[in-house]
Amino acid sequence: MASTRQASIEALLAGVSLLFFRLFPAPDAPGLRACPFYWLTTLPCPLCGITRGLCAAAKGHWAQAIEFHALSPLFLLAFVLWLAVCIG
């Protein structure tokens, strides 16, 4: 069944993402800006800092996560809910 396979792939992606956020250390400042918006304008885009924020939030460093990006705890919750829906 295609939907079961798709749910398995999505669960794998969500799980690997959460594992990455948990294991990857969040640097205080970005070493490499991979944001095309920033490259073009030198202005931070609305999502700048979200990866560092997710890395901090996955480790329970909530203040640091909010400092990196105010919505990072909500994005982390979305990843957890996505994984739960795919598994359940």
PDB file of N, CA and C in Angstrom:
ATOM      1  N   MET A   1       0.838  -1.172   0.000  1.00  0.00           N
ATOM      2  CA  MET A   1       0.000   0.000   0.000  1.00  0.00           C
ATOM      3  C   MET A   1       0.892   1.247   0.000  1.00  0.00           C
ATOM      4  N   ALA A   2       0.620   2.173  -0.877  1.00  0.00           N
ATOM      5  CA  ALA A   2       1.460   3.362  -1.057  1.00  0.00           C
ATOM      6  C   ALA A   2       1.439   4.268   0.169  1.00  0.00           C
ATOM      7  N   SER A   3       0.300   4.409   0.825  1.00  0.00           N
ATOM      8  CA  SER A   3       0.223   5.325   1.969  1.00  0.00           C
ATOM      9  C   SER A   3       1.038   4.796   3.152  1.00  0.00           C
ATOM     10  N   THR A   4       1.106   3.479   3.324  1.00  0.00           N
ATOM     11  CA  THR A   4       1.916   2.906   4.390  1.00  0.00           C
ATOM     12  C   THR A   4       3.391   3.148   4.113  1.00  0.00           C
ATOM     13  N   ARG A   5       3.784   2.994   2.870  1.00  0.00           N
ATOM     14  CA  ARG A   5       5.179   3.245   2.508  1.00  0.00           C
ATOM     15  C   ARG A   5       5.516   4.721   2.690  1.00  0.00           C
ATOM     16  N   GLN A   6       4.612   5.594   2.279  1.00  0.00           N
ATOM     17  CA  GLN A   6       4.843   7.034   2.430  1.00  0.00           C
ATOM     18  C   GLN A   6       4.937   7.400   3.909  1.00  0.00           C
ATOM     19  N   ALA A   7       4.079   6.836   4.741  1.00  0.00           N
ATOM     20  CA  ALA A   7       4.132   7.106   6.178  1.00  0.00           C
ATOM     21  C   ALA A   7       5.441   6.616   6.772  1.00  0.00           C
ATOM     22  N   SER A   8       5.935   5.476   6.299  1.00  0.00           N
ATOM     23  CA  SER A   8       7.213   4.958   6.789  1.00  0.00           C
ATOM     24  C   SER A   8       8.364   5.874   6.403  1.00  0.00           C
ATOM     25  N   ILE A   9       8.341   6.364   5.178  1.00  0.00           N
ATOM     26  CA  ILE A   9       9.393   7.276   4.720  1.00  0.00           C
ATOM     27  C   ILE A   9       9.328   8.583   5.507  1.00  0.00           C
ATOM     28  N   GLU A  10       8.114   9.099   5.725  1.00  0.00           N
ATOM     29  CA  GLU A  10       7.965  10.335   6.491  1.00  0.00           C
ATOM     30  C   GLU A  10       8.411  10.140   7.938  1.00  0.00           C
ATOM     31  N   ALA A  11       8.093   9.001   8.528  1.00  0.00           N
ATOM     32  CA  ALA A  11       8.537   8.717   9.897  1.00  0.00           C
ATOM     33  C   ALA A  11      10.054   8.654   9.965  1.00  0.00           C
ATOM     34  N   LEU A  12      10.658   8.043   8.967  1.00  0.00           N
ATOM     35  CA  LEU A  12      12.118   7.975   8.911  1.00  0.00           C
ATOM     36  C   LEU A  12      12.716   9.376   8.793  1.00  0.00           C
ATOM     37  N   LEU A  13      12.162  10.207   7.924  1.00  0.00           N
ATOM     38  CA  LEU A  13      12.660  11.574   7.765  1.00  0.00           C
ATOM     39  C   LEU A  13      12.503  12.391   9.046  1.00  0.00           C
ATOM     40  N   ALA A  14      11.355  12.276   9.683  1.00  0.00           N
ATOM     41  CA  ALA A  14      11.130  13.017  10.934  1.00  0.00           C
ATOM     42  C   ALA A  14      12.076  12.520  12.020  1.00  0.00           C
ATOM     43  N   GLY A  15      12.246  11.206  12.119  1.00  0.00           N
ATOM     44  CA  GLY A  15      13.135  10.646  13.133  1.00  0.00           C
ATOM     45  C   GLY A  15      14.586  11.033  12.926  1.00  0.00           C
ATOM     46  N   VAL A  16      15.046  10.989  11.678  1.00  0.00           N
ATOM     47  CA  VAL A  16      16.426  11.372  11.369  1.00  0.00           C
ATOM     48  C   VAL A  16      16.617  12.869  11.641  1.00  0.00           C
ATOM     49  N   SER A  17      15.630  13.670  11.306  1.00  0.00           N
ATOM     50  CA  SER A  17      15.714  15.110  11.581  1.00  0.00           C
ATOM     51  C   SER A  17      15.829  15.373  13.075  1.00  0.00           C
ATOM     52  N   LEU A  18      14.989  14.723  13.860  1.00  0.00           N
ATOM     53  CA  LEU A  18      15.041  14.911  15.312  1.00  0.00           C
ATOM     54  C   LEU A  18      16.375  14.437  15.882  1.00  0.00           C
ATOM     55  N   LEU A  19      16.882  13.330  15.371  1.00  0.00           N
ATOM     56  CA  LEU A  19      18.187  12.826  15.819  1.00  0.00           C
ATOM     57  C   LEU A  19      19.294  13.821  15.466  1.00  0.00           C
ATOM     58  N   PHE A  20      19.241  14.381  14.258  1.00  0.00           N
ATOM     59  CA  PHE A  20      20.216  15.394  13.856  1.00  0.00           C
ATOM     60  C   PHE A  20      20.171  16.588  14.803  1.00  0.00           C
ATOM     61  N   PHE A  21      18.974  17.095  15.070  1.00  0.00           N
ATOM     62  CA  PHE A  21      18.840  18.254  15.955  1.00  0.00           C
ATOM     63  C   PHE A  21      19.357  17.942  17.353  1.00  0.00           C
ATOM     64  N   ARG A  22      19.163  16.723  17.793  1.00  0.00           N
ATOM     65  CA  ARG A  22      19.601  16.329  19.138  1.00  0.00           C
ATOM     66  C   ARG A  22      21.128  16.215  19.214  1.00  0.00           C
ATOM     67  N   LEU A  23      21.764  15.699  18.173  1.00  0.00           N
ATOM     68  CA  LEU A  23      23.196  15.421  18.217  1.00  0.00           C
ATOM     69  C   LEU A  23      24.077  16.566  17.716  1.00  0.00           C
ATOM     70  N   PHE A  24      23.570  17.395  16.811  1.00  0.00           N
ATOM     71  CA  PHE A  24      24.379  18.455  16.221  1.00  0.00           C
ATOM     72  C   PHE A  24      24.495  19.617  17.200  1.00  0.00           C
ATOM     73  N   PRO A  25      25.717  20.060  17.504  1.00  0.00           N
ATOM     74  CA  PRO A  25      25.864  21.199  18.419  1.00  0.00           C
ATOM     75  C   PRO A  25      25.459  22.497  17.731  1.00  0.00           C
ATOM     76  N   ALA A  26      24.690  23.301  18.426  1.00  0.00           N
ATOM     77  CA  ALA A  26      24.238  24.580  17.867  1.00  0.00           C
ATOM     78  C   ALA A  26      25.301  25.640  18.095  1.00  0.00           C
ATOM     79  N   PRO A  27      25.931  26.128  17.036  1.00  0.00           N
ATOM     80  CA  PRO A  27      26.941  27.173  17.222  1.00  0.00           C
ATOM     81  C   PRO A  27      26.281  28.490  17.624  1.00  0.00           C
ATOM     82  N   ASP A  28      27.025  29.340  18.311  1.00  0.00           N
ATOM     83  CA  ASP A  28      26.479  30.624  18.730  1.00  0.00           C
ATOM     84  C   ASP A  28      26.219  31.552  17.550  1.00  0.00           C
ATOM     85  N   ALA A  29      27.031  31.426  16.528  1.00  0.00           N
ATOM     86  CA  ALA A  29      26.856  32.242  15.321  1.00  0.00           C
ATOM     87  C   ALA A  29      27.003  31.331  14.114  1.00  0.00           C
ATOM     88  N   PRO A  30      26.255  31.608  13.063  1.00  0.00           N
ATOM     89  CA  PRO A  30      26.367  30.740  11.881  1.00  0.00           C
ATOM     90  C   PRO A  30      27.728  30.867  11.229  1.00  0.00           C
ATOM     91  N   GLY A  31      28.357  29.742  10.964  1.00  0.00           N
ATOM     92  CA  GLY A  31      29.639  29.749  10.284  1.00  0.00           C
ATOM     93  C   GLY A  31      29.467  29.882   8.781  1.00  0.00           C
ATOM     94  N   LEU A  32      28.444  29.250   8.260  1.00  0.00           N
ATOM     95  CA  LEU A  32      28.135  29.285   6.845  1.00  0.00           C
ATOM     96  C   LEU A  32      26.658  29.610   6.703  1.00  0.00           C
ATOM     97  N   ARG A  33      26.359  30.661   6.037  1.00  0.00           N
ATOM     98  CA  ARG A  33      24.953  31.017   5.819  1.00  0.00           C
ATOM     99  C   ARG A  33      24.487  30.368   4.524  1.00  0.00           C
ATOM    100  N   ALA A  34      23.584  29.411   4.659  1.00  0.00           N
ATOM    101  CA  ALA A  34      23.068  28.680   3.507  1.00  0.00           C
ATOM    102  C   ALA A  34      21.759  29.266   3.006  1.00  0.00           C
ATOM    103  N   CYS A  35      21.474  30.482   3.386  1.00  0.00           N
ATOM    104  CA  CYS A  35      20.204  31.121   3.062  1.00  0.00           C
ATOM    105  C   CYS A  35      20.341  31.950   1.782  1.00  0.00           C
ATOM    106  N   PRO A  36      19.643  31.588   0.708  1.00  0.00           N
ATOM    107  CA  PRO A  36      19.717  32.367  -0.527  1.00  0.00           C
ATOM    108  C   PRO A  36      19.202  33.804  -0.347  1.00  0.00           C
ATOM    109  N   PHE A  37      18.201  33.980   0.485  1.00  0.00           N
ATOM    110  CA  PHE A  37      17.681  35.325   0.752  1.00  0.00           C
ATOM    111  C   PHE A  37      18.773  36.205   1.351  1.00  0.00           C
ATOM    112  N   TYR A  38      19.521  35.649   2.296  1.00  0.00           N
ATOM    113  CA  TYR A  38      20.612  36.405   2.921  1.00  0.00           C
ATOM    114  C   TYR A  38      21.709  36.721   1.900  1.00  0.00           C
ATOM    115  N   TRP A  39      22.025  35.748   1.042  1.00  0.00           N
ATOM    116  CA  TRP A  39      23.054  35.973   0.032  1.00  0.00           C
ATOM    117  C   TRP A  39      22.680  37.133  -0.890  1.00  0.00           C
ATOM    118  N   LEU A  40      21.392  37.219  -1.235  1.00  0.00           N
ATOM    119  CA  LEU A  40      20.949  38.250  -2.168  1.00  0.00           C
ATOM    120  C   LEU A  40      20.782  39.621  -1.522  1.00  0.00           C
ATOM    121  N   THR A  41      20.351  39.637  -0.252  1.00  0.00           N
ATOM    122  CA  THR A  41      19.988  40.910   0.372  1.00  0.00           C
ATOM    123  C   THR A  41      20.870  41.309   1.550  1.00  0.00           C
ATOM    124  N   THR A  42      21.641  40.386   2.105  1.00  0.00           N
ATOM    125  CA  THR A  42      22.411  40.539   3.351  1.00  0.00           C
ATOM    126  C   THR A  42      21.511  40.850   4.546  1.00  0.00           C
ATOM    127  N   LEU A  43      20.237  40.547   4.426  1.00  0.00           N
ATOM    128  CA  LEU A  43      19.275  40.688   5.520  1.00  0.00           C
ATOM    129  C   LEU A  43      18.860  39.298   5.994  1.00  0.00           C
ATOM    130  N   PRO A  44      18.608  39.125   7.279  1.00  0.00           N
ATOM    131  CA  PRO A  44      18.135  37.815   7.735  1.00  0.00           C
ATOM    132  C   PRO A  44      16.711  37.550   7.242  1.00  0.00           C
ATOM    133  N   CYS A  45      16.477  36.342   6.814  1.00  0.00           N
ATOM    134  CA  CYS A  45      15.132  35.970   6.368  1.00  0.00           C
ATOM    135  C   CYS A  45      14.309  35.559   7.587  1.00  0.00           C
ATOM    136  N   PRO A  46      13.012  35.367   7.430  1.00  0.00           N
ATOM    137  CA  PRO A  46      12.171  34.979   8.568  1.00  0.00           C
ATOM    138  C   PRO A  46      12.562  33.641   9.209  1.00  0.00           C
ATOM    139  N   LEU A  47      13.266  32.793   8.491  1.00  0.00           N
ATOM    140  CA  LEU A  47      13.651  31.495   9.045  1.00  0.00           C
ATOM    141  C   LEU A  47      15.109  31.434   9.489  1.00  0.00           C
ATOM    142  N   CYS A  48      15.856  32.526   9.339  1.00  0.00           N
ATOM    143  CA  CYS A  48      17.249  32.516   9.773  1.00  0.00           C
ATOM    144  C   CYS A  48      17.331  32.203  11.268  1.00  0.00           C
ATOM    145  N   GLY A  49      18.164  31.246  11.608  1.00  0.00           N
ATOM    146  CA  GLY A  49      18.344  30.831  12.992  1.00  0.00           C
ATOM    147  C   GLY A  49      17.504  29.640  13.399  1.00  0.00           C
ATOM    148  N   ILE A  50      16.631  29.164  12.515  1.00  0.00           N
ATOM    149  CA  ILE A  50      15.726  28.073  12.907  1.00  0.00           C
ATOM    150  C   ILE A  50      16.485  26.761  13.127  1.00  0.00           C
ATOM    151  N   THR A  51      17.504  26.474  12.323  1.00  0.00           N
ATOM    152  CA  THR A  51      18.255  25.230  12.515  1.00  0.00           C
ATOM    153  C   THR A  51      18.991  25.253  13.846  1.00  0.00           C
ATOM    154  N   ARG A  52      19.671  26.354  14.139  1.00  0.00           N
ATOM    155  CA  ARG A  52      20.365  26.464  15.425  1.00  0.00           C
ATOM    156  C   ARG A  52      19.352  26.422  16.568  1.00  0.00           C
ATOM    157  N   GLY A  53      18.202  27.048  16.380  1.00  0.00           N
ATOM    158  CA  GLY A  53      17.162  27.018  17.407  1.00  0.00           C
ATOM    159  C   GLY A  53      16.624  25.617  17.642  1.00  0.00           C
ATOM    160  N   LEU A  54      16.432  24.859  16.576  1.00  0.00           N
ATOM    161  CA  LEU A  54      15.960  23.478  16.714  1.00  0.00           C
ATOM    162  C   LEU A  54      17.000  22.606  17.409  1.00  0.00           C
ATOM    163  N   CYS A  55      18.272  22.833  17.090  1.00  0.00           N
ATOM    164  CA  CYS A  55      19.339  22.066  17.748  1.00  0.00           C
ATOM    165  C   CYS A  55      19.358  22.355  19.250  1.00  0.00           C
ATOM    166  N   ALA A  56      19.196  23.614  19.619  1.00  0.00           N
ATOM    167  CA  ALA A  56      19.179  23.977  21.040  1.00  0.00           C
ATOM    168  C   ALA A  56      17.923  23.439  21.724  1.00  0.00           C
ATOM    169  N   ALA A  57      16.775  23.566  21.076  1.00  0.00           N
ATOM    170  CA  ALA A  57      15.521  23.101  21.671  1.00  0.00           C
ATOM    171  C   ALA A  57      15.519  21.587  21.862  1.00  0.00           C
ATOM    172  N   ALA A  58      16.101  20.851  20.927  1.00  0.00           N
ATOM    173  CA  ALA A  58      16.140  19.389  21.038  1.00  0.00           C
ATOM    174  C   ALA A  58      16.980  18.931  22.219  1.00  0.00           C
ATOM    175  N   LYS A  59      17.857  19.795  22.694  1.00  0.00           N
ATOM    176  CA  LYS A  59      18.676  19.475  23.864  1.00  0.00           C
ATOM    177  C   LYS A  59      18.074  20.035  25.150  1.00  0.00           C
ATOM    178  N   GLY A  60      16.937  20.725  25.035  1.00  0.00           N
ATOM    179  CA  GLY A  60      16.288  21.296  26.213  1.00  0.00           C
ATOM    180  C   GLY A  60      16.803  22.666  26.598  1.00  0.00           C
ATOM    181  N   HIS A  61      17.581  23.303  25.745  1.00  0.00           N
ATOM    182  CA  HIS A  61      18.103  24.656  26.007  1.00  0.00           C
ATOM    183  C   HIS A  61      17.099  25.664  25.453  1.00  0.00           C
ATOM    184  N   TRP A  62      16.005  25.849  26.160  1.00  0.00           N
ATOM    185  CA  TRP A  62      14.874  26.627  25.653  1.00  0.00           C
ATOM    186  C   TRP A  62      15.197  28.102  25.480  1.00  0.00           C
ATOM    187  N   ALA A  63      15.888  28.703  26.433  1.00  0.00           N
ATOM    188  CA  ALA A  63      16.215  30.130  26.324  1.00  0.00           C
ATOM    189  C   ALA A  63      17.113  30.386  25.113  1.00  0.00           C
ATOM    190  N   GLN A  64      18.096  29.524  24.936  1.00  0.00           N
ATOM    191  CA  GLN A  64      18.993  29.665  23.792  1.00  0.00           C
ATOM    192  C   GLN A  64      18.222  29.442  22.487  1.00  0.00           C
ATOM    193  N   ALA A  65      17.324  28.472  22.481  1.00  0.00           N
ATOM    194  CA  ALA A  65      16.531  28.190  21.282  1.00  0.00           C
ATOM    195  C   ALA A  65      15.686  29.400  20.901  1.00  0.00           C
ATOM    196  N   ILE A  66      15.060  30.013  21.877  1.00  0.00           N
ATOM    197  CA  ILE A  66      14.227  31.185  21.608  1.00  0.00           C
ATOM    198  C   ILE A  66      15.085  32.367  21.169  1.00  0.00           C
ATOM    199  N   GLU A  67      16.290  32.445  21.699  1.00  0.00           N
ATOM    200  CA  GLU A  67      17.212  33.510  21.279  1.00  0.00           C
ATOM    201  C   GLU A  67      17.600  33.343  19.808  1.00  0.00           C
ATOM    202  N   PHE A  68      17.818  32.102  19.384  1.00  0.00           N
ATOM    203  CA  PHE A  68      18.173  31.849  17.990  1.00  0.00           C
ATOM    204  C   PHE A  68      16.995  32.137  17.065  1.00  0.00           C
ATOM    205  N   HIS A  69      15.809  31.648  17.430  1.00  0.00           N
ATOM    206  CA  HIS A  69      14.597  31.889  16.651  1.00  0.00           C
ATOM    207  C   HIS A  69      13.409  31.691  17.574  1.00  0.00           C
ATOM    208  N   ALA A  70      12.560  32.683  17.648  1.00  0.00           N
ATOM    209  CA  ALA A  70      11.454  32.666  18.604  1.00  0.00           C
ATOM    210  C   ALA A  70      10.502  31.493  18.408  1.00  0.00           C
ATOM    211  N   LEU A  71      10.375  30.991  17.202  1.00  0.00           N
ATOM    212  CA  LEU A  71       9.428  29.906  16.933  1.00  0.00           C
ATOM    213  C   LEU A  71      10.052  28.514  16.934  1.00  0.00           C
ATOM    214  N   SER A  72      11.328  28.412  17.259  1.00  0.00           N
ATOM    215  CA  SER A  72      11.986  27.099  17.193  1.00  0.00           C
ATOM    216  C   SER A  72      11.346  26.048  18.100  1.00  0.00           C
ATOM    217  N   PRO A  73      10.885  26.367  19.330  1.00  0.00           N
ATOM    218  CA  PRO A  73      10.203  25.328  20.108  1.00  0.00           C
ATOM    219  C   PRO A  73       8.924  24.816  19.435  1.00  0.00           C
ATOM    220  N   LEU A  74       8.220  25.696  18.736  1.00  0.00           N
ATOM    221  CA  LEU A  74       7.011  25.261  18.020  1.00  0.00           C
ATOM    222  C   LEU A  74       7.364  24.386  16.822  1.00  0.00           C
ATOM    223  N   PHE A  75       8.449  24.720  16.139  1.00  0.00           N
ATOM    224  CA  PHE A  75       8.903  23.880  15.034  1.00  0.00           C
ATOM    225  C   PHE A  75       9.314  22.504  15.548  1.00  0.00           C
ATOM    226  N   LEU A  76       9.974  22.454  16.700  1.00  0.00           N
ATOM    227  CA  LEU A  76      10.361  21.164  17.275  1.00  0.00           C
ATOM    228  C   LEU A  76       9.120  20.350  17.627  1.00  0.00           C
ATOM    229  N   LEU A  77       8.129  21.000  18.200  1.00  0.00           N
ATOM    230  CA  LEU A  77       6.864  20.325  18.506  1.00  0.00           C
ATOM    231  C   LEU A  77       6.231  19.787  17.233  1.00  0.00           C
ATOM    232  N   ALA A  78       6.299  20.551  16.153  1.00  0.00           N
ATOM    233  CA  ALA A  78       5.748  20.093  14.875  1.00  0.00           C
ATOM    234  C   ALA A  78       6.470  18.840  14.380  1.00  0.00           C
ATOM    235  N   PHE A  79       7.791  18.782  14.530  1.00  0.00           N
ATOM    236  CA  PHE A  79       8.538  17.588  14.137  1.00  0.00           C
ATOM    237  C   PHE A  79       8.116  16.382  14.985  1.00  0.00           C
ATOM    238  N   VAL A  80       7.967  16.589  16.282  1.00  0.00           N
ATOM    239  CA  VAL A  80       7.568  15.494  17.175  1.00  0.00           C
ATOM    240  C   VAL A  80       6.161  15.010  16.824  1.00  0.00           C
ATOM    241  N   LEU A  81       5.247  15.942  16.582  1.00  0.00           N
ATOM    242  CA  LEU A  81       3.884  15.551  16.204  1.00  0.00           C
ATOM    243  C   LEU A  81       3.859  14.850  14.850  1.00  0.00           C
ATOM    244  N   TRP A  82       4.686  15.309  13.924  1.00  0.00           N
ATOM    245  CA  TRP A  82       4.781  14.666  12.617  1.00  0.00           C
ATOM    246  C   TRP A  82       5.232  13.219  12.773  1.00  0.00           C
ATOM    247  N   LEU A  83       6.232  12.995  13.610  1.00  0.00           N
ATOM    248  CA  LEU A  83       6.717  11.642  13.864  1.00  0.00           C
ATOM    249  C   LEU A  83       5.628  10.798  14.515  1.00  0.00           C
ATOM    250  N   ALA A  84       4.929  11.365  15.482  1.00  0.00           N
ATOM    251  CA  ALA A  84       3.865  10.620  16.177  1.00  0.00           C
ATOM    252  C   ALA A  84       2.736  10.234  15.221  1.00  0.00           C
ATOM    253  N   VAL A  85       2.358  11.131  14.343  1.00  0.00           N
ATOM    254  CA  VAL A  85       1.298  10.835  13.379  1.00  0.00           C
ATOM    255  C   VAL A  85       1.743   9.753  12.407  1.00  0.00           C
ATOM    256  N   CYS A  86       2.989   9.816  11.962  1.00  0.00           N
ATOM    257  CA  CYS A  86       3.491   8.820  11.018  1.00  0.00           C
ATOM    258  C   CYS A  86       3.603   7.435  11.648  1.00  0.00           C
ATOM    259  N   ILE A  87       3.995   7.405  12.911  1.00  0.00           N
ATOM    260  CA  ILE A  87       4.146   6.117  13.590  1.00  0.00           C
ATOM    261  C   ILE A  87       2.782   5.555  13.994  1.00  0.00           C
ATOM    262  N   GLY A  88       1.942   6.431  14.515  1.00  0.00           N
ATOM    263  CA  GLY A  88       0.659   5.994  15.066  1.00  0.00           C
ATOM    264  C   GLY A  88      -0.352   5.807  14.026  1.00  0.00           C
TER     265      GLY A  88
END
